[in-house]
Amino acid sequence: MQEQATSSLAASSLPSSSERSSSSALQAEIKEGMESDEEIRRVPEIGGGDLAAPSASGPKAALVAGPDRVQALADGQRKRGRSPADKENKRLKRLLRNRVSAQQARERKKAYLNELEVRVKDLERKNSELEERLSTLQNENQMLRHNIEEHHSKQERRKQ
């Protein structure tokens, strides 16, 4: 009896044929790498509308009340909480949001690393230009010191 309830629960949480075709089309777009930012951030609704979860206890069949997540029992009692299908839908949405968030984090990291690589190349170029300039100025300084030395030595010779 529990196997029947489990199999009916599993069947109710499976996507319909139209949902499968739309999700397979979305997966095909993702594989092609042509999804837009909107498609990446979109979290599809899983399941459709209000669900009725039959109870194994017969006349006390529970009905799921959508947005307020309260189950009303046939004898008038109210049971707080989510049905297993609602929990599964919430879990699947969370997993999808996490995947989207992880993908966005990877893209941000890739962009950041590309930016750092560009910055490294720019700084290396500037460094080599500065090293070249330093070498030129050091050579010029050395030549000028040598000229000054020669000039002083000529003046000393003239005085003598």
N, C-alpha and C. Protein backbone atom coordinates (compact mmCIF):
# COMPACT_ATOMS: atom_id res chain seq x y z
N MET A 1 0.82 -1.19 0.00
CA MET A 1 0.00 0.00 0.00
C MET A 1 0.87 1.26 0.00
N GLN A 2 1.97 1.25 0.74
CA GLN A 2 2.87 2.40 0.75
C GLN A 2 3.55 2.55 -0.60
N GLU A 3 3.79 1.40 -1.29
CA GLU A 3 4.41 1.48 -2.60
C GLU A 3 3.50 2.21 -3.58
N GLN A 4 2.18 1.96 -3.48
CA GLN A 4 1.23 2.65 -4.36
C GLN A 4 1.24 4.15 -4.08
N ALA A 5 1.24 4.53 -2.82
CA ALA A 5 1.26 5.95 -2.46
C ALA A 5 2.56 6.60 -2.92
N THR A 6 3.66 5.89 -2.78
CA THR A 6 4.95 6.42 -3.22
C THR A 6 4.99 6.57 -4.73
N SER A 7 4.48 5.56 -5.44
CA SER A 7 4.51 5.64 -6.90
C SER A 7 3.58 6.72 -7.41
N SER A 8 2.41 6.90 -6.76
CA SER A 8 1.51 7.97 -7.21
C SER A 8 2.10 9.34 -6.87
N LEU A 9 2.80 9.44 -5.76
CA LEU A 9 3.47 10.70 -5.40
C LEU A 9 4.58 11.00 -6.39
N ALA A 10 5.37 9.99 -6.75
CA ALA A 10 6.45 10.18 -7.71
C ALA A 10 5.88 10.57 -9.06
N ALA A 11 4.78 9.95 -9.46
CA ALA A 11 4.17 10.28 -10.75
C ALA A 11 3.62 11.70 -10.74
N SER A 12 3.08 12.15 -9.60
CA SER A 12 2.54 13.51 -9.55
C SER A 12 3.64 14.56 -9.56
N SER A 13 4.86 14.21 -9.12
CA SER A 13 5.94 15.19 -9.12
C SER A 13 6.70 15.21 -10.43
N LEU A 14 6.42 14.24 -11.33
CA LEU A 14 7.08 14.23 -12.63
C LEU A 14 6.48 15.31 -13.51
N PRO A 15 7.29 15.92 -14.39
CA PRO A 15 6.75 16.97 -15.26
C PRO A 15 5.85 16.38 -16.33
N SER A 16 4.88 17.17 -16.76
CA SER A 16 3.98 16.72 -17.81
C SER A 16 4.73 16.70 -19.13
N SER A 17 4.09 16.16 -20.18
CA SER A 17 4.77 16.06 -21.47
C SER A 17 5.09 17.44 -22.03
N SER A 18 4.21 18.43 -21.80
CA SER A 18 4.50 19.77 -22.30
C SER A 18 5.66 20.39 -21.52
N GLU A 19 5.73 20.11 -20.20
CA GLU A 19 6.84 20.62 -19.41
C GLU A 19 8.15 19.95 -19.82
N ARG A 20 8.08 18.65 -20.12
CA ARG A 20 9.28 17.95 -20.57
C ARG A 20 9.77 18.50 -21.88
N SER A 21 8.86 18.78 -22.81
CA SER A 21 9.29 19.29 -24.11
C SER A 21 9.87 20.69 -23.96
N SER A 22 9.28 21.53 -23.09
CA SER A 22 9.82 22.87 -22.91
C SER A 22 11.15 22.82 -22.16
N SER A 23 11.27 21.91 -21.19
CA SER A 23 12.54 21.82 -20.47
C SER A 23 13.61 21.21 -21.36
N SER A 24 13.25 20.27 -22.25
CA SER A 24 14.26 19.72 -23.15
C SER A 24 14.69 20.76 -24.16
N ALA A 25 13.77 21.63 -24.58
CA ALA A 25 14.15 22.72 -25.48
C ALA A 25 15.09 23.68 -24.76
N LEU A 26 14.81 23.97 -23.50
CA LEU A 26 15.67 24.84 -22.70
C LEU A 26 17.04 24.20 -22.53
N GLN A 27 17.06 22.88 -22.28
CA GLN A 27 18.33 22.19 -22.12
C GLN A 27 19.11 22.20 -23.43
N ALA A 28 18.43 22.09 -24.56
CA ALA A 28 19.10 22.15 -25.85
C ALA A 28 19.73 23.52 -26.05
N GLU A 29 19.01 24.59 -25.65
CA GLU A 29 19.57 25.93 -25.76
C GLU A 29 20.77 26.09 -24.85
N ILE A 30 20.70 25.54 -23.66
CA ILE A 30 21.80 25.65 -22.71
C ILE A 30 23.02 24.93 -23.28
N LYS A 31 22.81 23.74 -23.87
CA LYS A 31 23.93 23.01 -24.45
C LYS A 31 24.55 23.79 -25.59
N GLU A 32 23.73 24.50 -26.36
CA GLU A 32 24.25 25.28 -27.47
C GLU A 32 24.95 26.53 -26.98
N GLY A 33 24.72 26.93 -25.73
CA GLY A 33 25.36 28.11 -25.18
C GLY A 33 24.74 29.40 -25.66
N MET A 34 23.47 29.37 -26.04
CA MET A 34 22.84 30.55 -26.60
C MET A 34 21.77 31.12 -25.67
N GLU A 35 21.80 30.75 -24.38
CA GLU A 35 20.80 31.26 -23.49
C GLU A 35 21.10 32.70 -23.10
N SER A 36 20.05 33.47 -22.89
CA SER A 36 20.22 34.86 -22.50
C SER A 36 20.25 34.96 -20.98
N ASP A 37 20.54 36.16 -20.50
CA ASP A 37 20.54 36.36 -19.05
C ASP A 37 19.15 36.11 -18.48
N GLU A 38 18.12 36.52 -19.22
CA GLU A 38 16.74 36.30 -18.75
C GLU A 38 16.48 34.81 -18.57
N GLU A 39 16.91 33.99 -19.54
CA GLU A 39 16.65 32.56 -19.45
C GLU A 39 17.44 31.93 -18.31
N ILE A 40 18.62 32.47 -18.05
CA ILE A 40 19.43 31.92 -16.95
C ILE A 40 18.77 32.20 -15.62
N ARG A 41 18.25 33.42 -15.45
CA ARG A 41 17.68 33.82 -14.16
C ARG A 41 16.27 33.29 -13.94
N ARG A 42 15.59 32.85 -15.01
CA ARG A 42 14.20 32.39 -14.90
C ARG A 42 14.16 31.05 -14.20
N VAL A 43 13.29 30.95 -13.22
CA VAL A 43 13.09 29.70 -12.50
C VAL A 43 11.71 29.18 -12.89
N PRO A 44 11.67 28.09 -13.67
CA PRO A 44 10.37 27.60 -14.14
C PRO A 44 9.53 27.03 -13.01
N GLU A 45 8.22 27.17 -13.15
CA GLU A 45 7.30 26.58 -12.19
C GLU A 45 7.28 25.07 -12.42
N ILE A 46 7.34 24.32 -11.35
CA ILE A 46 7.31 22.87 -11.45
C ILE A 46 5.99 22.39 -10.91
N GLY A 47 5.33 21.54 -11.64
CA GLY A 47 4.01 21.06 -11.22
C GLY A 47 2.96 22.05 -11.64
N GLY A 48 1.70 21.70 -11.52
CA GLY A 48 0.68 22.63 -11.97
C GLY A 48 -0.47 22.73 -11.01
N GLY A 49 -0.76 23.95 -10.59
CA GLY A 49 -1.97 24.25 -9.83
C GLY A 49 -2.04 23.59 -8.48
N ASP A 50 -3.27 23.51 -7.94
CA ASP A 50 -3.50 22.88 -6.64
C ASP A 50 -3.48 21.38 -6.81
N LEU A 51 -2.84 20.71 -5.89
CA LEU A 51 -2.75 19.26 -5.93
C LEU A 51 -3.60 18.67 -4.83
N ALA A 52 -4.18 17.54 -5.09
CA ALA A 52 -4.91 16.83 -4.05
C ALA A 52 -4.08 15.62 -3.67
N ALA A 53 -3.73 15.49 -2.41
CA ALA A 53 -2.92 14.37 -1.96
C ALA A 53 -3.81 13.43 -1.17
N PRO A 54 -4.21 12.31 -1.79
CA PRO A 54 -5.10 11.39 -1.08
C PRO A 54 -4.38 10.73 0.08
N SER A 55 -5.11 10.60 1.18
CA SER A 55 -4.56 9.99 2.39
C SER A 55 -4.82 8.50 2.36
N ALA A 56 -3.96 7.76 3.00
CA ALA A 56 -4.12 6.31 3.06
C ALA A 56 -5.18 5.93 4.09
N SER A 57 -5.70 6.87 4.88
CA SER A 57 -6.65 6.55 5.95
C SER A 57 -8.09 6.62 5.47
N GLY A 58 -8.37 6.74 4.18
CA GLY A 58 -9.72 6.68 3.66
C GLY A 58 -10.47 7.98 3.74
N PRO A 59 -11.49 8.12 4.62
CA PRO A 59 -12.35 9.31 4.62
C PRO A 59 -11.65 10.59 5.05
N LYS A 60 -10.50 10.51 5.66
CA LYS A 60 -9.78 11.72 6.09
C LYS A 60 -8.80 12.15 5.00
N ALA A 61 -9.27 12.37 3.79
CA ALA A 61 -8.42 12.78 2.67
C ALA A 61 -8.02 14.24 2.88
N ALA A 62 -6.74 14.52 2.68
CA ALA A 62 -6.21 15.88 2.91
C ALA A 62 -6.20 16.65 1.60
N LEU A 63 -6.57 17.93 1.68
CA LEU A 63 -6.50 18.81 0.53
C LEU A 63 -5.43 19.85 0.80
N VAL A 64 -4.64 20.16 -0.22
CA VAL A 64 -3.57 21.13 -0.07
C VAL A 64 -4.11 22.50 -0.45
N ALA A 65 -3.97 23.46 0.45
CA ALA A 65 -4.34 24.84 0.16
C ALA A 65 -3.08 25.56 -0.24
N GLY A 66 -3.01 25.97 -1.49
CA GLY A 66 -1.82 26.51 -2.14
C GLY A 66 -0.98 27.50 -1.37
N PRO A 67 -1.28 28.81 -1.45
CA PRO A 67 -0.34 29.80 -0.95
C PRO A 67 -0.13 29.80 0.56
N ASP A 68 -1.15 29.47 1.34
CA ASP A 68 -0.95 29.53 2.80
C ASP A 68 -0.42 28.22 3.36
N ARG A 69 -0.24 27.20 2.51
CA ARG A 69 0.37 25.93 2.89
C ARG A 69 -0.29 25.26 4.09
N VAL A 70 -1.57 25.30 4.15
CA VAL A 70 -2.31 24.66 5.24
C VAL A 70 -3.13 23.53 4.65
N GLN A 71 -3.04 22.37 5.26
CA GLN A 71 -3.82 21.24 4.79
C GLN A 71 -5.06 21.12 5.67
N ALA A 72 -6.22 20.99 5.00
CA ALA A 72 -7.47 20.83 5.75
C ALA A 72 -7.88 19.37 5.70
N LEU A 73 -8.11 18.80 6.84
CA LEU A 73 -8.56 17.41 6.90
C LEU A 73 -10.08 17.36 6.82
N ALA A 74 -10.61 16.22 6.46
CA ALA A 74 -12.05 16.07 6.25
C ALA A 74 -12.84 16.29 7.54
N ASP A 75 -12.28 16.00 8.70
CA ASP A 75 -13.02 16.18 9.95
C ASP A 75 -12.88 17.59 10.52
N GLY A 76 -12.35 18.55 9.76
CA GLY A 76 -12.30 19.94 10.20
C GLY A 76 -11.00 20.35 10.84
N GLN A 77 -10.09 19.43 11.10
CA GLN A 77 -8.81 19.80 11.70
C GLN A 77 -7.90 20.40 10.63
N ARG A 78 -6.98 21.24 11.07
CA ARG A 78 -6.02 21.83 10.13
C ARG A 78 -4.62 21.34 10.49
N LYS A 79 -3.89 20.99 9.48
CA LYS A 79 -2.54 20.50 9.69
C LYS A 79 -1.58 21.45 8.97
N ARG A 80 -0.67 22.06 9.72
CA ARG A 80 0.29 22.98 9.12
C ARG A 80 1.43 22.18 8.49
N GLY A 81 2.00 22.77 7.47
CA GLY A 81 3.15 22.14 6.84
C GLY A 81 2.96 22.00 5.36
N ARG A 82 3.94 21.46 4.72
CA ARG A 82 3.91 21.29 3.27
C ARG A 82 3.71 19.82 2.94
N SER A 83 3.07 19.61 1.82
CA SER A 83 2.93 18.23 1.34
C SER A 83 4.28 17.81 0.77
N PRO A 84 4.50 16.53 0.62
CA PRO A 84 5.77 16.07 0.03
C PRO A 84 6.00 16.65 -1.37
N ALA A 85 4.93 16.81 -2.14
CA ALA A 85 5.08 17.38 -3.49
C ALA A 85 5.54 18.83 -3.40
N ASP A 86 4.97 19.59 -2.44
CA ASP A 86 5.39 20.99 -2.26
C ASP A 86 6.86 21.06 -1.83
N LYS A 87 7.24 20.15 -0.93
CA LYS A 87 8.63 20.13 -0.48
C LYS A 87 9.57 19.81 -1.64
N GLU A 88 9.16 18.86 -2.47
CA GLU A 88 9.99 18.49 -3.63
C GLU A 88 10.08 19.65 -4.62
N ASN A 89 8.96 20.32 -4.85
CA ASN A 89 8.97 21.48 -5.75
C ASN A 89 9.90 22.57 -5.20
N LYS A 90 9.80 22.82 -3.91
CA LYS A 90 10.65 23.83 -3.29
C LYS A 90 12.12 23.43 -3.40
N ARG A 91 12.42 22.16 -3.17
CA ARG A 91 13.79 21.67 -3.27
C ARG A 91 14.32 21.82 -4.70
N LEU A 92 13.49 21.46 -5.69
CA LEU A 92 13.91 21.57 -7.08
C LEU A 92 14.14 23.03 -7.48
N LYS A 93 13.27 23.92 -7.02
CA LYS A 93 13.46 25.35 -7.31
C LYS A 93 14.75 25.86 -6.67
N ARG A 94 14.99 25.44 -5.44
CA ARG A 94 16.20 25.86 -4.74
C ARG A 94 17.44 25.35 -5.47
N LEU A 95 17.41 24.08 -5.90
CA LEU A 95 18.54 23.53 -6.64
C LEU A 95 18.79 24.31 -7.93
N LEU A 96 17.69 24.64 -8.62
CA LEU A 96 17.83 25.40 -9.87
C LEU A 96 18.38 26.79 -9.60
N ARG A 97 17.87 27.45 -8.55
CA ARG A 97 18.41 28.78 -8.20
C ARG A 97 19.89 28.68 -7.86
N ASN A 98 20.26 27.63 -7.14
CA ASN A 98 21.67 27.45 -6.78
C ASN A 98 22.53 27.23 -8.02
N ARG A 99 22.01 26.45 -8.99
CA ARG A 99 22.76 26.23 -10.22
C ARG A 99 22.95 27.54 -10.96
N VAL A 100 21.88 28.32 -11.06
CA VAL A 100 21.96 29.61 -11.75
C VAL A 100 22.95 30.52 -11.03
N SER A 101 22.85 30.55 -9.71
CA SER A 101 23.75 31.39 -8.92
C SER A 101 25.20 30.94 -9.09
N ALA A 102 25.43 29.65 -9.10
CA ALA A 102 26.79 29.13 -9.28
C ALA A 102 27.32 29.49 -10.66
N GLN A 103 26.47 29.38 -11.68
CA GLN A 103 26.88 29.74 -13.04
C GLN A 103 27.23 31.23 -13.10
N GLN A 104 26.42 32.05 -12.48
CA GLN A 104 26.70 33.49 -12.47
C GLN A 104 28.00 33.78 -11.73
N ALA A 105 28.25 33.07 -10.64
CA ALA A 105 29.49 33.26 -9.89
C ALA A 105 30.69 32.85 -10.75
N ARG A 106 30.54 31.75 -11.49
CA ARG A 106 31.63 31.34 -12.39
C ARG A 106 31.88 32.38 -13.46
N GLU A 107 30.81 32.94 -14.01
CA GLU A 107 30.96 33.97 -15.04
C GLU A 107 31.61 35.23 -14.48
N ARG A 108 31.20 35.63 -13.26
CA ARG A 108 31.83 36.79 -12.62
C ARG A 108 33.32 36.54 -12.38
N LYS A 109 33.64 35.34 -11.92
CA LYS A 109 35.03 34.99 -11.65
C LYS A 109 35.84 35.03 -12.95
N LYS A 110 35.27 34.48 -14.02
CA LYS A 110 35.96 34.47 -15.31
C LYS A 110 36.21 35.90 -15.79
N ALA A 111 35.20 36.76 -15.68
CA ALA A 111 35.35 38.15 -16.09
C ALA A 111 36.41 38.84 -15.23
N TYR A 112 36.41 38.59 -13.94
CA TYR A 112 37.39 39.18 -13.03
C TYR A 112 38.80 38.72 -13.39
N LEU A 113 38.97 37.42 -13.67
CA LEU A 113 40.28 36.91 -14.04
C LEU A 113 40.75 37.50 -15.37
N ASN A 114 39.83 37.64 -16.33
CA ASN A 114 40.19 38.26 -17.61
C ASN A 114 40.64 39.70 -17.39
N GLU A 115 39.92 40.40 -16.52
CA GLU A 115 40.29 41.79 -16.20
C GLU A 115 41.68 41.83 -15.55
N LEU A 116 41.95 40.90 -14.64
CA LEU A 116 43.26 40.85 -14.00
C LEU A 116 44.37 40.55 -15.02
N GLU A 117 44.09 39.64 -15.96
CA GLU A 117 45.09 39.31 -16.98
C GLU A 117 45.40 40.53 -17.84
N VAL A 118 44.38 41.29 -18.20
CA VAL A 118 44.59 42.51 -18.98
C VAL A 118 45.43 43.49 -18.18
N ARG A 119 45.11 43.61 -16.90
CA ARG A 119 45.85 44.54 -16.03
C ARG A 119 47.31 44.11 -15.89
N VAL A 120 47.54 42.80 -15.77
CA VAL A 120 48.91 42.28 -15.65
C VAL A 120 49.70 42.62 -16.91
N LYS A 121 49.08 42.38 -18.08
CA LYS A 121 49.78 42.68 -19.34
C LYS A 121 50.10 44.17 -19.43
N ASP A 122 49.16 45.01 -19.04
CA ASP A 122 49.37 46.45 -19.08
C ASP A 122 50.52 46.86 -18.14
N LEU A 123 50.50 46.31 -16.93
CA LEU A 123 51.55 46.65 -15.97
C LEU A 123 52.92 46.12 -16.42
N GLU A 124 52.95 44.93 -17.03
CA GLU A 124 54.21 44.40 -17.54
C GLU A 124 54.75 45.29 -18.66
N ARG A 125 53.86 45.77 -19.53
CA ARG A 125 54.26 46.67 -20.61
C ARG A 125 54.83 47.97 -20.04
N LYS A 126 54.11 48.54 -19.07
CA LYS A 126 54.60 49.78 -18.45
C LYS A 126 55.93 49.56 -17.75
N ASN A 127 56.07 48.42 -17.09
CA ASN A 127 57.32 48.10 -16.39
C ASN A 127 58.48 48.02 -17.37
N SER A 128 58.27 47.35 -18.49
CA SER A 128 59.36 47.24 -19.47
C SER A 128 59.71 48.61 -20.05
N GLU A 129 58.69 49.47 -20.28
CA GLU A 129 58.96 50.83 -20.76
C GLU A 129 59.77 51.62 -19.73
N LEU A 130 59.41 51.48 -18.47
CA LEU A 130 60.14 52.19 -17.42
C LEU A 130 61.57 51.67 -17.27
N GLU A 131 61.75 50.36 -17.39
CA GLU A 131 63.10 49.79 -17.32
C GLU A 131 63.96 50.31 -18.47
N GLU A 132 63.34 50.41 -19.65
CA GLU A 132 64.05 50.94 -20.82
C GLU A 132 64.45 52.41 -20.58
N ARG A 133 63.51 53.16 -20.06
CA ARG A 133 63.77 54.58 -19.78
C ARG A 133 64.87 54.73 -18.72
N LEU A 134 64.80 53.89 -17.69
CA LEU A 134 65.82 53.92 -16.64
C LEU A 134 67.19 53.64 -17.23
N SER A 135 67.28 52.64 -18.06
CA SER A 135 68.56 52.30 -18.67
C SER A 135 69.08 53.46 -19.52
N THR A 136 68.19 54.08 -20.30
CA THR A 136 68.58 55.23 -21.13
C THR A 136 69.08 56.38 -20.26
N LEU A 137 68.34 56.69 -19.20
CA LEU A 137 68.73 57.79 -18.32
C LEU A 137 70.04 57.50 -17.58
N GLN A 138 70.24 56.24 -17.19
CA GLN A 138 71.49 55.89 -16.52
C GLN A 138 72.68 56.05 -17.48
N ASN A 139 72.48 55.64 -18.74
CA ASN A 139 73.55 55.81 -19.73
C ASN A 139 73.83 57.29 -19.97
N GLU A 140 72.76 58.07 -20.08
CA GLU A 140 72.92 59.50 -20.30
C GLU A 140 73.63 60.15 -19.11
N ASN A 141 73.25 59.76 -17.91
CA ASN A 141 73.88 60.28 -16.69
C ASN A 141 75.37 59.94 -16.67
N GLN A 142 75.68 58.71 -17.02
CA GLN A 142 77.08 58.28 -17.03
C GLN A 142 77.88 59.10 -18.05
N MET A 143 77.31 59.34 -19.24
CA MET A 143 77.99 60.13 -20.26
C MET A 143 78.21 61.56 -19.78
N LEU A 144 77.19 62.14 -19.14
CA LEU A 144 77.32 63.51 -18.65
C LEU A 144 78.39 63.61 -17.56
N ARG A 145 78.45 62.65 -16.66
CA ARG A 145 79.48 62.65 -15.61
C ARG A 145 80.88 62.55 -16.23
N HIS A 146 80.94 61.71 -17.25
CA HIS A 146 82.23 61.56 -17.93
C HIS A 146 82.64 62.89 -18.61
N ASN A 147 81.67 63.55 -19.25
CA ASN A 147 81.95 64.86 -19.88
C ASN A 147 82.38 65.90 -18.85
N ILE A 148 81.72 65.89 -17.71
CA ILE A 148 82.08 66.84 -16.64
C ILE A 148 83.51 66.57 -16.18
N GLU A 149 83.83 65.30 -16.01
CA GLU A 149 85.17 64.92 -15.59
C GLU A 149 86.22 65.39 -16.60
N GLU A 150 85.94 65.18 -17.86
CA GLU A 150 86.87 65.63 -18.91
C GLU A 150 87.03 67.15 -18.90
N HIS A 151 85.92 67.83 -18.74
CA HIS A 151 85.94 69.29 -18.72
C HIS A 151 86.79 69.79 -17.55
N HIS A 152 86.63 69.19 -16.36
CA HIS A 152 87.42 69.58 -15.18
C HIS A 152 88.90 69.28 -15.40
N SER A 153 89.17 68.16 -15.97
CA SER A 153 90.58 67.80 -16.20
C SER A 153 91.23 68.75 -17.21
N LYS A 154 90.49 69.20 -18.23
CA LYS A 154 91.03 70.17 -19.21
C LYS A 154 91.30 71.50 -18.54
N GLN A 155 90.38 71.90 -17.65
CA GLN A 155 90.58 73.18 -16.95
C GLN A 155 91.79 73.10 -16.04
N GLU A 156 92.00 71.99 -15.41
CA GLU A 156 93.17 71.81 -14.53
C GLU A 156 94.46 71.91 -15.34
N ARG A 157 94.46 71.34 -16.52
CA ARG A 157 95.65 71.38 -17.37
C ARG A 157 95.95 72.80 -17.83
N ARG A 158 94.89 73.58 -18.10
CA ARG A 158 95.06 74.95 -18.54
C ARG A 158 95.66 75.81 -17.43
N LYS A 159 95.24 75.54 -16.22
CA LYS A 159 95.75 76.33 -15.09
C LYS A 159 97.22 76.05 -14.87
N GLN A 160 97.66 74.96 -15.24
CA GLN A 160 99.06 74.61 -14.96
C GLN A 160 99.96 75.14 -15.97
